[in-house]
N, C-alpha and C. Protein backbone atom coordinates (compact mmCIF):
# COMPACT_ATOMS: atom_id res chain seq x y z
N MET A 1 -103.48 36.91 -9.87
CA MET A 1 -103.33 36.95 -8.69
C MET A 1 -103.27 35.65 -7.74
N VAL A 2 -102.49 35.68 -6.75
CA VAL A 2 -101.81 35.03 -5.84
C VAL A 2 -102.65 33.94 -4.56
N THR A 3 -103.22 32.93 -4.15
CA THR A 3 -103.71 32.58 -3.31
C THR A 3 -102.79 31.98 -2.44
N LEU A 4 -103.42 32.48 -1.01
CA LEU A 4 -102.48 31.65 0.30
C LEU A 4 -102.94 30.34 0.45
N ASN A 5 -102.55 29.33 0.78
CA ASN A 5 -102.90 28.67 1.93
C ASN A 5 -102.67 28.75 3.26
N ARG A 6 -102.87 28.98 4.05
CA ARG A 6 -103.12 29.53 4.95
C ARG A 6 -102.78 28.38 6.37
N ILE A 7 -101.82 28.18 7.01
CA ILE A 7 -102.30 26.80 7.71
C ILE A 7 -102.61 27.48 9.00
N TYR A 8 -103.15 28.51 9.80
CA TYR A 8 -103.87 28.98 10.48
C TYR A 8 -105.37 29.32 10.59
N THR A 9 -106.16 28.74 10.95
CA THR A 9 -107.19 29.50 11.04
C THR A 9 -107.87 30.35 12.20
N ARG A 10 -107.56 30.21 13.09
CA ARG A 10 -107.84 31.00 14.58
C ARG A 10 -108.77 30.32 15.18
N THR A 11 -109.13 29.09 14.56
CA THR A 11 -110.28 28.34 15.91
C THR A 11 -110.15 28.08 16.98
N GLY A 12 -108.94 27.53 16.95
CA GLY A 12 -108.31 27.46 18.55
C GLY A 12 -107.85 28.48 19.32
N ASP A 13 -108.04 29.81 19.30
CA ASP A 13 -107.64 30.89 19.69
C ASP A 13 -108.20 30.70 20.86
N ASP A 14 -109.62 30.49 21.61
CA ASP A 14 -110.09 30.33 22.81
C ASP A 14 -109.78 28.91 23.55
N GLY A 15 -108.89 28.22 23.45
CA GLY A 15 -108.05 27.56 23.64
C GLY A 15 -108.94 25.60 23.45
N SER A 16 -109.80 25.86 22.46
CA SER A 16 -109.90 24.77 22.02
C SER A 16 -109.64 23.87 21.07
N THR A 17 -110.12 22.95 20.63
CA THR A 17 -110.17 22.09 19.63
C THR A 17 -111.31 20.81 18.92
N ARG A 18 -111.24 20.83 17.91
CA ARG A 18 -112.26 19.54 17.62
C ARG A 18 -111.13 17.76 17.69
N LEU A 19 -112.12 17.31 18.19
CA LEU A 19 -111.41 15.87 17.76
C LEU A 19 -112.14 15.03 16.45
N ALA A 20 -111.36 14.26 16.00
CA ALA A 20 -111.78 13.64 14.34
C ALA A 20 -113.29 13.34 14.51
N SER A 21 -113.98 13.36 15.55
CA SER A 21 -115.71 13.54 15.55
C SER A 21 -115.97 14.28 15.19
N GLY A 22 -115.22 15.85 15.15
CA GLY A 22 -115.79 17.13 14.80
C GLY A 22 -116.03 17.48 16.77
N ALA A 23 -116.46 16.91 17.84
CA ALA A 23 -116.52 17.12 19.04
C ALA A 23 -116.11 18.50 19.40
N PRO A 24 -115.68 19.38 19.67
CA PRO A 24 -115.23 20.49 20.53
C PRO A 24 -114.51 19.99 21.87
N VAL A 25 -113.72 20.25 22.49
CA VAL A 25 -112.95 20.40 23.74
C VAL A 25 -111.76 21.14 23.71
N SER A 26 -111.67 21.13 25.81
CA SER A 26 -110.37 22.09 25.39
C SER A 26 -108.66 21.34 25.16
N LYS A 27 -108.10 21.86 24.71
CA LYS A 27 -106.51 21.60 24.28
C LYS A 27 -106.14 20.62 25.22
N SER A 28 -106.02 20.77 26.51
CA SER A 28 -105.95 19.93 27.49
C SER A 28 -106.39 18.61 28.24
N ASP A 29 -107.13 18.83 27.56
CA ASP A 29 -108.93 17.14 27.30
C ASP A 29 -107.45 16.47 27.32
N PRO A 30 -107.51 14.86 28.37
CA PRO A 30 -107.10 14.14 28.18
C PRO A 30 -106.71 13.41 26.77
N ARG A 31 -107.36 12.95 26.35
CA ARG A 31 -107.58 12.67 24.93
C ARG A 31 -106.55 13.74 23.90
N VAL A 32 -106.86 14.91 24.05
CA VAL A 32 -105.75 15.74 23.16
C VAL A 32 -104.35 15.63 23.48
N GLU A 33 -104.31 15.45 25.53
CA GLU A 33 -102.52 15.38 25.63
C GLU A 33 -102.00 13.77 25.35
N ALA A 34 -102.84 13.09 24.84
CA ALA A 34 -103.00 11.52 24.41
C ALA A 34 -102.00 11.36 23.10
N TYR A 35 -103.29 12.19 22.54
CA TYR A 35 -102.69 12.38 21.10
C TYR A 35 -101.35 13.09 20.80
N GLY A 36 -101.75 14.20 21.48
CA GLY A 36 -100.51 15.59 21.38
C GLY A 36 -99.36 14.50 22.00
N ALA A 37 -99.34 13.62 22.97
CA ALA A 37 -97.99 12.87 23.63
C ALA A 37 -97.10 12.09 22.22
N VAL A 38 -98.19 11.45 21.50
CA VAL A 38 -97.61 10.64 20.29
C VAL A 38 -97.46 11.25 19.10
N ASP A 39 -97.59 12.30 18.99
CA ASP A 39 -97.25 13.52 18.04
C ASP A 39 -95.95 14.17 18.41
N GLU A 40 -95.64 14.37 19.41
CA GLU A 40 -94.05 15.01 20.11
C GLU A 40 -93.28 13.28 19.83
N LEU A 41 -93.58 12.23 20.00
CA LEU A 41 -93.46 10.74 20.37
C LEU A 41 -93.14 10.85 18.50
N ASN A 42 -93.44 10.86 17.40
CA ASN A 42 -93.28 10.97 16.58
C ASN A 42 -92.02 11.55 15.73
N ALA A 43 -92.47 12.86 16.41
CA ALA A 43 -91.18 14.21 16.16
C ALA A 43 -90.12 13.82 16.42
N VAL A 44 -89.50 12.97 18.32
CA VAL A 44 -88.29 12.79 18.53
C VAL A 44 -87.85 11.47 17.34
N ILE A 45 -88.61 10.28 17.40
CA ILE A 45 -88.43 9.63 16.09
C ILE A 45 -87.78 9.82 15.34
N GLY A 46 -88.47 11.13 14.58
CA GLY A 46 -87.52 11.52 13.21
C GLY A 46 -86.55 12.17 13.87
N LEU A 47 -86.23 13.20 14.87
CA LEU A 47 -85.06 13.03 15.26
C LEU A 47 -84.03 11.98 15.53
N ALA A 48 -84.48 11.01 16.05
CA ALA A 48 -83.28 9.53 16.02
C ALA A 48 -83.37 9.20 14.38
N ARG A 49 -84.16 9.14 14.00
CA ARG A 49 -83.57 8.83 12.22
C ARG A 49 -82.62 9.57 11.31
N LEU A 50 -82.18 10.72 12.36
CA LEU A 50 -81.78 11.58 11.45
C LEU A 50 -80.18 11.02 11.69
N GLN A 51 -79.96 9.93 12.81
CA GLN A 51 -78.89 9.04 12.85
C GLN A 51 -79.25 7.74 12.69
N SER A 52 -80.04 7.61 12.21
CA SER A 52 -80.07 6.17 11.73
C SER A 52 -79.46 5.49 10.91
N GLY A 53 -79.33 6.28 9.81
CA GLY A 53 -78.66 5.71 8.18
C GLY A 53 -77.55 4.53 8.73
N GLN A 54 -76.82 4.90 9.61
CA GLN A 54 -76.22 3.72 9.84
C GLN A 54 -76.57 2.06 10.08
N ASP A 55 -77.79 1.95 10.40
CA ASP A 55 -78.40 1.05 10.68
C ASP A 55 -79.67 0.69 10.16
N ASP A 56 -79.42 0.21 8.93
CA ASP A 56 -80.92 -0.01 8.45
C ASP A 56 -81.90 -1.01 8.88
N ARG A 57 -81.82 -1.73 10.10
CA ARG A 57 -82.87 -2.16 10.19
C ARG A 57 -83.66 -1.24 11.32
N ILE A 58 -82.75 -0.82 11.25
CA ILE A 58 -83.39 0.42 12.88
C ILE A 58 -84.14 1.31 12.35
N ASP A 59 -82.88 2.09 10.65
CA ASP A 59 -84.05 3.32 10.06
C ASP A 59 -84.97 2.59 9.16
N ALA A 60 -85.22 1.23 9.06
CA ALA A 60 -86.97 0.41 8.84
C ALA A 60 -87.99 0.70 9.19
N PHE A 61 -87.38 -0.20 11.01
CA PHE A 61 -88.19 -0.10 11.97
C PHE A 61 -88.75 1.28 12.00
N LEU A 62 -88.04 2.87 12.29
CA LEU A 62 -88.49 3.83 12.64
C LEU A 62 -89.28 4.64 11.49
N ALA A 63 -88.89 4.29 10.21
CA ALA A 63 -89.34 4.70 9.31
C ALA A 63 -91.34 4.07 9.02
N ARG A 64 -91.12 2.59 10.13
CA ARG A 64 -92.35 2.07 10.00
C ARG A 64 -93.14 3.13 11.05
N VAL A 65 -92.57 2.52 12.38
CA VAL A 65 -93.06 3.78 13.47
C VAL A 65 -93.95 4.78 13.29
N GLN A 66 -93.11 5.29 12.66
CA GLN A 66 -93.43 6.57 12.25
C GLN A 66 -95.36 6.96 11.81
N ASN A 67 -95.32 5.74 10.61
CA ASN A 67 -96.20 5.53 10.07
C ASN A 67 -97.61 5.27 11.07
N GLU A 68 -97.44 4.56 11.48
CA GLU A 68 -97.88 3.72 13.03
C GLU A 68 -98.81 4.69 13.51
N LEU A 69 -97.63 5.54 14.27
CA LEU A 69 -97.91 7.09 15.08
C LEU A 69 -98.74 7.54 14.73
N PHE A 70 -99.03 7.94 13.44
CA PHE A 70 -99.84 8.63 13.17
C PHE A 70 -101.57 7.98 12.97
N ASP A 71 -101.61 6.88 12.46
CA ASP A 71 -102.38 6.21 12.89
C ASP A 71 -103.07 5.76 14.03
N LEU A 72 -101.85 5.31 15.48
CA LEU A 72 -102.45 6.01 16.86
C LEU A 72 -103.26 7.15 17.00
N GLY A 73 -102.53 8.15 16.41
CA GLY A 73 -103.14 9.47 16.97
C GLY A 73 -104.26 9.32 16.48
N ALA A 74 -104.72 8.91 15.68
CA ALA A 74 -106.50 9.05 14.45
C ALA A 74 -107.20 7.62 15.55
N ASP A 75 -106.65 7.14 15.88
CA ASP A 75 -106.71 6.61 16.82
C ASP A 75 -107.25 7.28 18.12
N LEU A 76 -106.56 7.67 18.60
CA LEU A 76 -106.60 7.85 20.34
C LEU A 76 -107.81 9.06 19.85
N ALA A 77 -107.92 10.55 18.29
CA ALA A 77 -107.82 11.41 18.02
C ALA A 77 -110.07 11.35 18.35
N THR A 78 -110.34 9.60 17.91
CA THR A 78 -111.21 9.28 17.52
C THR A 78 -112.36 8.72 18.37
N PRO A 79 -113.08 8.98 19.30
CA PRO A 79 -113.68 8.41 20.55
C PRO A 79 -114.34 6.96 20.02
N LEU A 80 -114.10 5.97 20.78
CA LEU A 80 -114.51 4.83 20.10
C LEU A 80 -116.62 4.90 20.41
N GLU A 81 -117.02 6.02 21.43
CA GLU A 81 -118.64 6.20 21.68
C GLU A 81 -118.39 7.63 21.83
N PRO A 82 -119.62 8.40 20.97
CA PRO A 82 -120.28 7.27 20.19
C PRO A 82 -119.67 7.00 18.72
N ALA A 83 -119.48 6.07 18.33
CA ALA A 83 -119.10 5.23 17.28
C ALA A 83 -119.17 6.13 15.84
N PRO A 84 -118.18 5.78 15.35
CA PRO A 84 -117.78 7.18 14.41
C PRO A 84 -119.01 6.75 13.13
N LYS A 85 -119.33 7.65 12.26
CA LYS A 85 -120.33 7.60 10.51
C LYS A 85 -119.41 7.05 10.00
N TRP A 86 -117.92 7.16 9.94
CA TRP A 86 -116.48 6.32 9.24
C TRP A 86 -115.76 5.22 9.67
N GLU A 87 -115.23 4.09 9.16
CA GLU A 87 -114.46 3.49 9.68
C GLU A 87 -113.06 3.95 10.18
N ALA A 88 -113.44 4.80 11.39
CA ALA A 88 -111.80 4.35 12.02
C ALA A 88 -110.75 3.64 12.04
N LEU A 89 -109.97 4.70 11.73
CA LEU A 89 -108.47 3.58 11.67
C LEU A 89 -107.78 3.37 13.53
N ARG A 90 -107.68 2.02 13.69
CA ARG A 90 -107.44 2.04 15.09
C ARG A 90 -105.99 0.79 14.49
N ILE A 91 -105.47 0.80 16.10
CA ILE A 91 -104.37 -0.10 16.34
C ILE A 91 -104.91 -0.91 16.65
N VAL A 92 -104.56 -2.59 15.71
CA VAL A 92 -104.35 -3.31 16.10
C VAL A 92 -103.82 -4.51 16.45
N ASP A 93 -104.36 -5.58 16.78
CA ASP A 93 -103.58 -6.87 18.03
C ASP A 93 -102.11 -6.70 17.29
N SER A 94 -102.36 -6.86 15.43
CA SER A 94 -101.13 -7.72 14.72
C SER A 94 -100.01 -6.62 14.43
N GLN A 95 -100.00 -5.26 14.70
CA GLN A 95 -99.09 -4.25 15.18
C GLN A 95 -98.22 -4.31 16.32
N VAL A 96 -99.17 -4.84 17.44
CA VAL A 96 -98.67 -4.88 18.35
C VAL A 96 -97.55 -6.29 18.33
N ASP A 97 -98.27 -7.12 17.71
CA ASP A 97 -97.50 -8.56 17.62
C ASP A 97 -95.82 -7.93 16.57
N ALA A 98 -95.93 -7.62 15.83
CA ALA A 98 -94.88 -7.11 14.72
C ALA A 98 -94.10 -6.44 15.72
N ILE A 99 -94.39 -5.63 16.50
CA ILE A 99 -93.59 -4.84 17.48
C ILE A 99 -92.73 -6.22 18.73
N GLU A 100 -93.50 -7.03 18.87
CA GLU A 100 -93.02 -7.92 19.83
C GLU A 100 -91.79 -8.97 18.59
N ALA A 101 -91.72 -8.96 17.46
CA ALA A 101 -91.32 -10.08 16.84
C ALA A 101 -89.73 -9.12 16.67
N GLU A 102 -89.98 -7.47 16.27
CA GLU A 102 -89.29 -7.19 16.18
C GLU A 102 -87.91 -6.99 17.70
N ILE A 103 -88.62 -6.83 18.52
CA ILE A 103 -87.70 -6.73 20.34
C ILE A 103 -87.22 -7.99 20.08
N ASP A 104 -87.88 -9.24 19.41
CA ASP A 104 -87.59 -10.72 20.06
C ASP A 104 -86.13 -11.01 19.41
N ALA A 105 -85.86 -10.19 18.21
CA ALA A 105 -84.93 -10.02 16.96
C ALA A 105 -83.55 -9.82 17.56
N VAL A 106 -84.07 -8.22 17.53
CA VAL A 106 -82.92 -7.52 17.99
C VAL A 106 -82.32 -8.38 19.29
N ASN A 107 -83.07 -8.29 20.41
CA ASN A 107 -82.25 -8.64 22.14
C ASN A 107 -81.55 -9.99 21.83
N VAL A 108 -82.07 -11.09 21.11
CA VAL A 108 -81.19 -12.02 21.14
C VAL A 108 -79.76 -11.61 20.21
N ARG A 109 -79.23 -10.67 19.55
CA ARG A 109 -77.64 -10.46 19.56
C ARG A 109 -77.46 -9.51 20.25
N LEU A 110 -77.85 -8.63 21.52
CA LEU A 110 -77.55 -7.92 22.43
C LEU A 110 -76.65 -8.86 23.75
N SER A 111 -75.90 -8.57 24.62
CA SER A 111 -75.10 -8.66 25.16
C SER A 111 -75.83 -8.68 26.59
N PRO A 112 -76.02 -9.44 27.95
CA PRO A 112 -76.33 -9.51 28.87
C PRO A 112 -76.90 -8.37 30.09
N LEU A 113 -77.65 -7.77 30.35
CA LEU A 113 -77.48 -7.01 31.27
C LEU A 113 -77.70 -7.43 32.64
N ASP A 114 -76.46 -6.63 33.22
CA ASP A 114 -76.74 -6.89 34.85
C ASP A 114 -76.27 -5.89 35.77
N SER A 115 -76.91 -4.50 35.01
CA SER A 115 -76.94 -3.07 35.73
C SER A 115 -77.60 -2.46 34.78
N PHE A 116 -78.38 -1.13 35.80
CA PHE A 116 -78.80 -0.26 34.39
C PHE A 116 -77.99 0.44 33.73
N ILE A 117 -78.75 0.59 32.30
CA ILE A 117 -77.43 1.30 31.69
C ILE A 117 -78.43 3.01 32.00
N LEU A 118 -77.80 3.86 31.49
CA LEU A 118 -77.42 5.47 31.21
C LEU A 118 -77.86 5.65 29.78
N PRO A 119 -79.13 6.91 29.29
CA PRO A 119 -79.29 6.61 28.17
C PRO A 119 -77.96 7.70 27.40
N ALA A 120 -77.20 7.01 26.97
CA ALA A 120 -75.42 7.93 26.50
C ALA A 120 -75.14 6.86 25.79
N GLY A 121 -73.92 7.19 25.01
CA GLY A 121 -73.08 6.09 23.90
C GLY A 121 -73.24 6.99 22.76
N SER A 122 -73.47 6.26 21.84
CA SER A 122 -73.26 7.02 20.47
C SER A 122 -74.75 7.66 20.16
N ALA A 123 -74.45 8.50 19.45
CA ALA A 123 -75.95 10.05 19.67
C ALA A 123 -77.07 8.65 19.26
N LEU A 124 -77.04 8.05 17.90
CA LEU A 124 -78.23 6.90 17.85
C LEU A 124 -79.35 6.55 19.00
N SER A 125 -78.12 6.04 19.68
CA SER A 125 -78.17 5.57 21.25
C SER A 125 -79.29 6.47 22.32
N THR A 126 -78.86 7.55 22.03
CA THR A 126 -79.12 8.25 23.00
C THR A 126 -80.34 9.09 22.96
N HIS A 127 -80.45 9.38 21.48
CA HIS A 127 -81.48 9.81 20.46
C HIS A 127 -82.66 8.70 20.42
N LEU A 128 -82.78 7.42 21.00
CA LEU A 128 -83.18 6.55 20.83
C LEU A 128 -84.02 6.12 22.35
N HIS A 129 -83.02 6.46 23.27
CA HIS A 129 -83.72 6.84 24.52
C HIS A 129 -84.25 7.61 25.02
N LEU A 130 -84.38 9.18 24.42
CA LEU A 130 -84.61 9.98 24.41
C LEU A 130 -86.29 9.85 23.81
N ALA A 131 -86.49 8.69 22.63
CA ALA A 131 -88.10 8.75 22.02
C ALA A 131 -88.75 7.97 23.47
N ARG A 132 -87.56 6.61 24.32
CA ARG A 132 -88.33 6.01 24.75
C ARG A 132 -89.04 6.20 25.98
N THR A 133 -87.93 7.37 26.35
CA THR A 133 -89.28 7.90 27.46
C THR A 133 -90.35 8.82 27.05
N VAL A 134 -90.29 9.61 25.93
CA VAL A 134 -91.07 10.51 25.47
C VAL A 134 -92.60 9.06 25.53
N CYS A 135 -92.04 8.01 24.41
CA CYS A 135 -92.81 7.30 24.60
C CYS A 135 -93.89 6.57 25.68
N ARG A 136 -93.22 6.29 26.85
CA ARG A 136 -93.54 6.24 28.07
C ARG A 136 -94.63 6.99 28.80
N ARG A 137 -94.43 8.50 28.45
CA ARG A 137 -95.19 9.23 28.42
C ARG A 137 -96.31 9.41 28.08
N ALA A 138 -96.34 9.02 26.86
CA ALA A 138 -97.24 9.04 25.87
C ALA A 138 -98.26 7.97 26.11
N GLU A 139 -97.69 6.33 26.52
CA GLU A 139 -98.56 5.20 27.24
C GLU A 139 -99.02 6.29 28.77
N ARG A 140 -98.31 6.98 29.48
CA ARG A 140 -99.40 7.35 30.70
C ARG A 140 -100.58 7.83 30.52
N GLU A 141 -100.15 8.64 29.38
CA GLU A 141 -101.33 9.64 29.35
C GLU A 141 -102.50 8.72 28.57
N ALA A 142 -101.96 7.69 27.71
CA ALA A 142 -103.28 6.81 26.57
C ALA A 142 -103.71 6.69 28.46
N VAL A 143 -103.16 5.94 28.96
CA VAL A 143 -103.92 5.54 30.16
C VAL A 143 -104.50 5.91 30.84
N ARG A 144 -104.15 7.13 31.50
CA ARG A 144 -104.55 8.45 32.13
C ARG A 144 -106.08 8.62 31.79
N LEU A 145 -106.45 8.44 30.30
CA LEU A 145 -107.42 9.01 29.34
C LEU A 145 -108.30 7.99 29.51
N ALA A 146 -107.72 6.56 29.65
CA ALA A 146 -108.71 5.30 30.39
C ALA A 146 -108.92 5.38 31.36
N GLU A 147 -108.12 5.70 31.88
CA GLU A 147 -108.76 5.54 33.39
C GLU A 147 -109.73 6.96 34.03
N ALA A 148 -109.38 7.86 33.33
CA ALA A 148 -111.16 9.13 33.05
C ALA A 148 -112.22 8.29 32.72
N GLY A 149 -112.68 7.11 32.73
CA GLY A 149 -113.73 7.01 31.48
C GLY A 149 -114.00 6.66 30.67
N GLU A 150 -112.81 7.30 29.76
CA GLU A 150 -112.88 6.92 27.82
C GLU A 150 -112.48 6.01 27.57
N ALA A 151 -113.08 5.21 26.69
CA ALA A 151 -112.51 4.68 26.06
C ALA A 151 -111.65 4.46 25.17
N VAL A 152 -110.59 3.83 25.32
CA VAL A 152 -109.54 3.49 24.31
C VAL A 152 -109.09 2.42 24.01
N THR A 153 -108.72 2.13 23.19
CA THR A 153 -108.47 0.95 22.01
C THR A 153 -107.66 -0.29 23.03
N PRO A 154 -107.86 -1.51 23.11
CA PRO A 154 -106.83 -1.53 24.34
C PRO A 154 -105.58 -2.08 23.57
N ALA A 155 -105.37 -2.20 22.00
CA ALA A 155 -104.37 -2.56 21.42
C ALA A 155 -103.24 -1.07 21.27
N ALA A 156 -104.14 -0.10 21.76
CA ALA A 156 -103.07 1.27 21.42
C ALA A 156 -102.21 1.10 23.06
N ILE A 157 -102.92 0.97 24.10
CA ILE A 157 -101.91 1.19 24.89
C ILE A 157 -100.72 0.07 25.22
N ARG A 158 -100.83 -1.28 24.09
CA ARG A 158 -100.40 -2.50 24.65
C ARG A 158 -99.14 -2.14 23.26
N TYR A 159 -99.27 -1.47 22.43
CA TYR A 159 -98.61 -1.07 21.20
C TYR A 159 -97.60 0.20 21.96
N LEU A 160 -98.29 1.22 22.77
CA LEU A 160 -97.11 2.17 23.15
C LEU A 160 -96.43 1.38 24.30
N ASN A 161 -96.69 0.68 24.58
CA ASN A 161 -96.25 -0.29 26.22
C ASN A 161 -94.89 -1.32 25.53
N ARG A 162 -95.29 -1.66 24.33
CA ARG A 162 -93.95 -2.82 23.70
C ARG A 162 -93.52 -1.83 22.60
N LEU A 163 -93.56 -0.45 22.17
CA LEU A 163 -92.59 0.41 21.09
C LEU A 163 -91.82 0.81 22.76
N SER A 164 -91.78 0.85 23.45
CA SER A 164 -91.20 1.78 24.39
C SER A 164 -90.42 0.72 25.19
N ASP A 165 -90.53 -0.76 25.12
CA ASP A 165 -89.67 -1.59 25.36
C ASP A 165 -88.45 -1.85 23.82
N CYS A 166 -89.33 -1.98 23.00
CA CYS A 166 -88.08 -2.20 21.40
C CYS A 166 -87.25 -1.01 21.42
N LEU A 167 -87.67 0.23 21.75
CA LEU A 167 -86.84 1.63 21.43
C LEU A 167 -85.67 1.56 22.85
N PHE A 168 -85.79 0.39 23.81
CA PHE A 168 -84.61 0.54 24.37
C PHE A 168 -83.96 -0.88 23.69
N VAL A 169 -84.06 -1.78 23.36
CA VAL A 169 -83.26 -2.42 22.72
C VAL A 169 -82.86 -2.01 21.43
N MET A 170 -83.40 -1.24 20.92
CA MET A 170 -83.13 -0.62 19.39
C MET A 170 -81.66 -0.07 20.01
N ALA A 171 -81.66 0.88 21.59
CA ALA A 171 -80.62 1.44 21.73
C ALA A 171 -79.41 1.16 21.74
N ARG A 172 -80.09 -0.41 22.23
CA ARG A 172 -79.02 -0.93 23.16
C ARG A 172 -78.29 -1.57 21.56
N ARG A 173 -78.81 -1.52 20.56
CA ARG A 173 -78.36 -2.36 19.13
C ARG A 173 -77.29 -1.27 18.74
N ALA A 174 -78.07 -0.10 18.63
CA ALA A 174 -77.10 1.32 18.54
C ALA A 174 -75.62 1.45 18.90
N ASN A 175 -76.05 0.91 19.98
CA ASN A 175 -74.13 1.11 21.29
C ASN A 175 -73.98 -0.50 20.62
N ASP A 176 -73.50 -0.94 19.62
CA ASP A 176 -72.78 -1.79 19.47
C ASP A 176 -73.09 -3.32 20.16
N ASP A 177 -74.71 -3.41 20.21
CA ASP A 177 -75.47 -4.39 20.35
C ASP A 177 -74.83 -4.69 21.81
N GLY A 178 -75.08 -3.84 22.58
CA GLY A 178 -75.18 -3.42 24.54
C GLY A 178 -73.32 -3.35 24.71
N LYS A 179 -72.68 -3.80 23.49
CA LYS A 179 -71.03 -3.42 24.22
C LYS A 179 -70.55 -1.89 24.46
N ALA A 180 -70.97 -1.41 24.22
CA ALA A 180 -70.99 -0.09 24.66
C ALA A 180 -71.96 0.86 25.42
N ASP A 181 -72.66 0.27 26.02
CA ASP A 181 -73.37 0.46 26.63
C ASP A 181 -72.88 1.52 27.98
N VAL A 182 -73.17 2.61 28.30
CA VAL A 182 -72.79 2.94 29.92
C VAL A 182 -73.47 3.15 30.40
N LEU A 183 -72.66 2.43 31.48
CA LEU A 183 -73.67 1.53 33.16
C LEU A 183 -74.15 2.30 33.96
N TRP A 184 -74.57 2.67 34.69
CA TRP A 184 -75.09 3.44 35.74
C TRP A 184 -73.88 2.65 37.10
N LYS A 185 -73.66 3.26 37.78
CA LYS A 185 -72.34 3.25 38.92
C LYS A 185 -73.02 4.01 39.73
N PRO A 186 -74.33 3.44 40.64
CA PRO A 186 -74.72 3.78 41.90
C PRO A 186 -73.76 4.62 43.20
N GLY A 187 -74.22 5.82 43.32
CA GLY A 187 -73.23 6.37 44.07
C GLY A 187 -72.19 6.72 43.53
N ALA A 188 -71.83 6.79 42.58
CA ALA A 188 -70.83 7.07 41.95
C ALA A 188 -70.02 8.48 41.98
N THR A 189 -70.91 9.35 42.32
CA THR A 189 -70.54 11.49 42.72
C THR A 189 -70.79 11.17 43.86
N ARG A 190 -70.67 10.50 44.32
CA ARG A 190 -70.46 10.84 46.44
C ARG A 190 -69.19 11.50 46.77
């Protein structure tokens, strides 16, 4: 007899889901929106990794970030109050510090900017810009959650803020350290 391992449970057919604590919420709950945006970001970073094989530093960074985004999703899916009965996985300041160090290490090589740049150039750069914009949305969702009165780990919002900055400098690195960036030309289509 073959046993099927089904992926569907039908429990969310009414538009609800459960947080890590087991508490039922709507699938449109701000907490679900926040960790859902982080999940989408992880998928977009996976797409960028399809192009990152030529740059070991970018690929290693993205691989680390994908794992940390699962940590972040778990953090956002677990309300701070009531405190869970287990030690919840939380984003910590050292993860934010590591992203800042990465920004500093990559940024030092980049040509200076005197214009906004378009999300264009190499395939990797364009994918990283897409990841950056999804990251900014995930950050907005986490902020919206906090503004709705839900406690959010402060490092989680800082992590998303720094990550979007880091994805920007990585996109420039992928464009020959900024030399192949496509500059915005204001009013160019008039």
